[in-house]
Amino acid sequence: MTNEDIKQMNNKELHANLREERKQLAKLKFNHAVSPIENPGKIRESRKIVARLMTEINARSKAASSSAN
């Protein structure tokens, strides 16, 4: 998921994808703790996607609150 894809999403889609990606990250971490997964780079990539989604959500909420003032 690229930044361009994220910017094209509406707020509802952003929150849905964030929820889904957080579930995926928790699942990956749990599976890795139980037995090492084949590609631990997936955990890093999942964390980055969560961070990108959170960054866009926070930027939009900040822009909405500053435009309201």
N, C-alpha and C. Protein backbone atom coordinates (compact mmCIF):
# COMPACT_ATOMS: atom_id res chain seq x y z
N MET A 1 0.85 -1.17 0.00
CA MET A 1 0.00 0.00 0.00
C MET A 1 0.90 1.23 0.00
N THR A 2 0.72 2.05 -1.02
CA THR A 2 1.57 3.23 -1.15
C THR A 2 0.89 4.45 -0.56
N ASN A 3 1.65 5.51 -0.40
CA ASN A 3 1.10 6.75 0.13
C ASN A 3 0.01 7.31 -0.78
N GLU A 4 0.17 7.14 -2.08
CA GLU A 4 -0.84 7.64 -3.02
C GLU A 4 -2.16 6.90 -2.81
N ASP A 5 -2.08 5.59 -2.59
CA ASP A 5 -3.29 4.80 -2.32
C ASP A 5 -3.98 5.29 -1.05
N ILE A 6 -3.18 5.56 -0.04
CA ILE A 6 -3.72 6.00 1.24
C ILE A 6 -4.39 7.36 1.12
N LYS A 7 -3.78 8.26 0.39
CA LYS A 7 -4.34 9.61 0.24
C LYS A 7 -5.65 9.61 -0.55
N GLN A 8 -5.86 8.62 -1.39
CA GLN A 8 -7.08 8.55 -2.18
C GLN A 8 -8.26 7.96 -1.40
N MET A 9 -8.00 7.35 -0.26
CA MET A 9 -9.06 6.73 0.53
C MET A 9 -9.85 7.80 1.28
N ASN A 10 -11.12 7.48 1.55
CA ASN A 10 -11.89 8.37 2.40
C ASN A 10 -11.65 7.98 3.86
N ASN A 11 -12.17 8.76 4.80
CA ASN A 11 -11.89 8.53 6.22
C ASN A 11 -12.38 7.17 6.69
N LYS A 12 -13.54 6.76 6.21
CA LYS A 12 -14.10 5.47 6.63
C LYS A 12 -13.19 4.32 6.19
N GLU A 13 -12.71 4.39 4.95
CA GLU A 13 -11.80 3.36 4.45
C GLU A 13 -10.48 3.36 5.23
N LEU A 14 -9.98 4.55 5.56
CA LEU A 14 -8.73 4.64 6.33
C LEU A 14 -8.86 3.92 7.67
N HIS A 15 -9.95 4.20 8.37
CA HIS A 15 -10.14 3.58 9.68
C HIS A 15 -10.35 2.07 9.56
N ALA A 16 -11.04 1.64 8.53
CA ALA A 16 -11.26 0.20 8.32
C ALA A 16 -9.93 -0.50 8.02
N ASN A 17 -9.13 0.12 7.15
CA ASN A 17 -7.82 -0.47 6.82
C ASN A 17 -6.89 -0.47 8.02
N LEU A 18 -6.96 0.56 8.83
CA LEU A 18 -6.13 0.62 10.02
C LEU A 18 -6.49 -0.51 10.98
N ARG A 19 -7.79 -0.71 11.19
CA ARG A 19 -8.24 -1.78 12.07
C ARG A 19 -7.76 -3.14 11.56
N GLU A 20 -7.92 -3.36 10.25
CA GLU A 20 -7.53 -4.63 9.64
C GLU A 20 -6.01 -4.83 9.72
N GLU A 21 -5.25 -3.79 9.45
CA GLU A 21 -3.79 -3.89 9.47
C GLU A 21 -3.27 -4.14 10.89
N ARG A 22 -3.92 -3.53 11.88
CA ARG A 22 -3.52 -3.78 13.27
C ARG A 22 -3.79 -5.23 13.67
N LYS A 23 -4.90 -5.79 13.20
CA LYS A 23 -5.19 -7.20 13.46
C LYS A 23 -4.12 -8.08 12.83
N GLN A 24 -3.77 -7.75 11.60
CA GLN A 24 -2.75 -8.51 10.88
C GLN A 24 -1.41 -8.43 11.60
N LEU A 25 -1.05 -7.25 12.09
CA LEU A 25 0.22 -7.09 12.81
C LEU A 25 0.23 -7.90 14.09
N ALA A 26 -0.86 -7.87 14.83
CA ALA A 26 -0.94 -8.65 16.07
C ALA A 26 -0.82 -10.14 15.78
N LYS A 27 -1.46 -10.58 14.72
CA LYS A 27 -1.40 -12.00 14.32
C LYS A 27 0.03 -12.39 13.95
N LEU A 28 0.71 -11.53 13.17
CA LEU A 28 2.09 -11.80 12.78
C LEU A 28 3.01 -11.87 14.00
N LYS A 29 2.84 -10.93 14.92
CA LYS A 29 3.68 -10.92 16.12
C LYS A 29 3.46 -12.18 16.96
N PHE A 30 2.20 -12.56 17.11
CA PHE A 30 1.89 -13.76 17.89
C PHE A 30 2.50 -14.99 17.23
N ASN A 31 2.29 -15.15 15.93
CA ASN A 31 2.84 -16.30 15.22
C ASN A 31 4.36 -16.34 15.29
N HIS A 32 4.98 -15.17 15.25
CA HIS A 32 6.44 -15.11 15.32
C HIS A 32 6.94 -15.46 16.72
N ALA A 33 6.18 -15.12 17.74
CA ALA A 33 6.57 -15.45 19.10
C ALA A 33 6.46 -16.95 19.36
N VAL A 34 5.45 -17.57 18.78
CA VAL A 34 5.24 -19.00 18.97
C VAL A 34 6.31 -19.80 18.23
N SER A 35 6.45 -19.51 16.96
CA SER A 35 7.52 -20.13 16.17
C SER A 35 7.93 -19.14 15.11
N PRO A 36 9.21 -18.98 14.86
CA PRO A 36 9.69 -17.96 13.92
C PRO A 36 9.01 -18.09 12.55
N ILE A 37 8.51 -16.98 12.06
CA ILE A 37 7.87 -17.01 10.75
C ILE A 37 8.93 -16.98 9.67
N GLU A 38 8.53 -17.37 8.48
CA GLU A 38 9.46 -17.50 7.38
C GLU A 38 10.10 -16.17 6.98
N ASN A 39 9.28 -15.11 6.97
CA ASN A 39 9.79 -13.80 6.54
C ASN A 39 9.44 -12.76 7.61
N PRO A 40 10.35 -12.52 8.57
CA PRO A 40 10.07 -11.54 9.61
C PRO A 40 9.99 -10.10 9.09
N GLY A 41 10.37 -9.87 7.87
CA GLY A 41 10.25 -8.55 7.26
C GLY A 41 8.80 -8.12 7.10
N LYS A 42 7.89 -9.11 7.10
CA LYS A 42 6.46 -8.81 7.01
C LYS A 42 6.00 -7.99 8.22
N ILE A 43 6.59 -8.26 9.38
CA ILE A 43 6.23 -7.53 10.59
C ILE A 43 6.61 -6.07 10.43
N ARG A 44 7.80 -5.82 9.94
CA ARG A 44 8.26 -4.45 9.74
C ARG A 44 7.38 -3.72 8.72
N GLU A 45 7.06 -4.40 7.64
CA GLU A 45 6.22 -3.78 6.60
C GLU A 45 4.83 -3.46 7.15
N SER A 46 4.29 -4.35 7.95
CA SER A 46 2.97 -4.13 8.54
C SER A 46 3.00 -2.93 9.49
N ARG A 47 4.07 -2.81 10.28
CA ARG A 47 4.22 -1.66 11.18
C ARG A 47 4.28 -0.36 10.39
N LYS A 48 4.97 -0.38 9.27
CA LYS A 48 5.09 0.82 8.44
C LYS A 48 3.75 1.22 7.85
N ILE A 49 2.96 0.25 7.44
CA ILE A 49 1.63 0.54 6.89
C ILE A 49 0.74 1.15 7.96
N VAL A 50 0.81 0.61 9.19
CA VAL A 50 0.03 1.17 10.30
C VAL A 50 0.46 2.62 10.53
N ALA A 51 1.74 2.87 10.50
CA ALA A 51 2.24 4.23 10.72
C ALA A 51 1.79 5.18 9.61
N ARG A 52 1.81 4.71 8.36
CA ARG A 52 1.35 5.55 7.25
C ARG A 52 -0.13 5.90 7.40
N LEU A 53 -0.93 4.90 7.77
CA LEU A 53 -2.36 5.14 7.95
C LEU A 53 -2.60 6.13 9.08
N MET A 54 -1.91 5.95 10.19
CA MET A 54 -2.07 6.85 11.33
C MET A 54 -1.62 8.27 10.98
N THR A 55 -0.56 8.39 10.21
CA THR A 55 -0.07 9.70 9.81
C THR A 55 -1.12 10.43 8.98
N GLU A 56 -1.72 9.72 8.04
CA GLU A 56 -2.74 10.35 7.19
C GLU A 56 -3.99 10.72 8.01
N ILE A 57 -4.41 9.84 8.91
CA ILE A 57 -5.57 10.14 9.75
C ILE A 57 -5.30 11.36 10.62
N ASN A 58 -4.13 11.42 11.22
CA ASN A 58 -3.79 12.57 12.07
C ASN A 58 -3.67 13.86 11.26
N ALA A 59 -3.11 13.78 10.07
CA ALA A 59 -2.98 14.97 9.22
C ALA A 59 -4.35 15.49 8.82
N ARG A 60 -5.26 14.59 8.51
CA ARG A 60 -6.61 15.01 8.13
C ARG A 60 -7.36 15.61 9.31
N SER A 61 -7.21 15.02 10.48
CA SER A 61 -7.92 15.57 11.65
C SER A 61 -7.33 16.92 12.03
N LYS A 62 -6.03 17.09 11.89
CA LYS A 62 -5.39 18.36 12.19
C LYS A 62 -5.84 19.42 11.19
N ALA A 63 -5.92 19.06 9.90
CA ALA A 63 -6.36 20.00 8.88
C ALA A 63 -7.82 20.37 9.09
N ALA A 64 -8.64 19.43 9.50
CA ALA A 64 -10.06 19.72 9.74
C ALA A 64 -10.24 20.64 10.94
N SER A 65 -9.43 20.42 11.98
CA SER A 65 -9.56 21.26 13.18
C SER A 65 -9.00 22.65 12.94
N SER A 66 -7.97 22.78 12.11
CA SER A 66 -7.41 24.10 11.85
C SER A 66 -8.31 24.90 10.89
N SER A 67 -9.00 24.21 10.00
CA SER A 67 -9.90 24.91 9.08
C SER A 67 -11.18 25.34 9.79
N ALA A 68 -11.52 24.68 10.88
CA ALA A 68 -12.72 25.04 11.65
C ALA A 68 -12.50 26.30 12.47
N ASN A 69 -11.25 26.61 12.75
CA ASN A 69 -10.96 27.82 13.56
C ASN A 69 -10.94 29.04 12.74
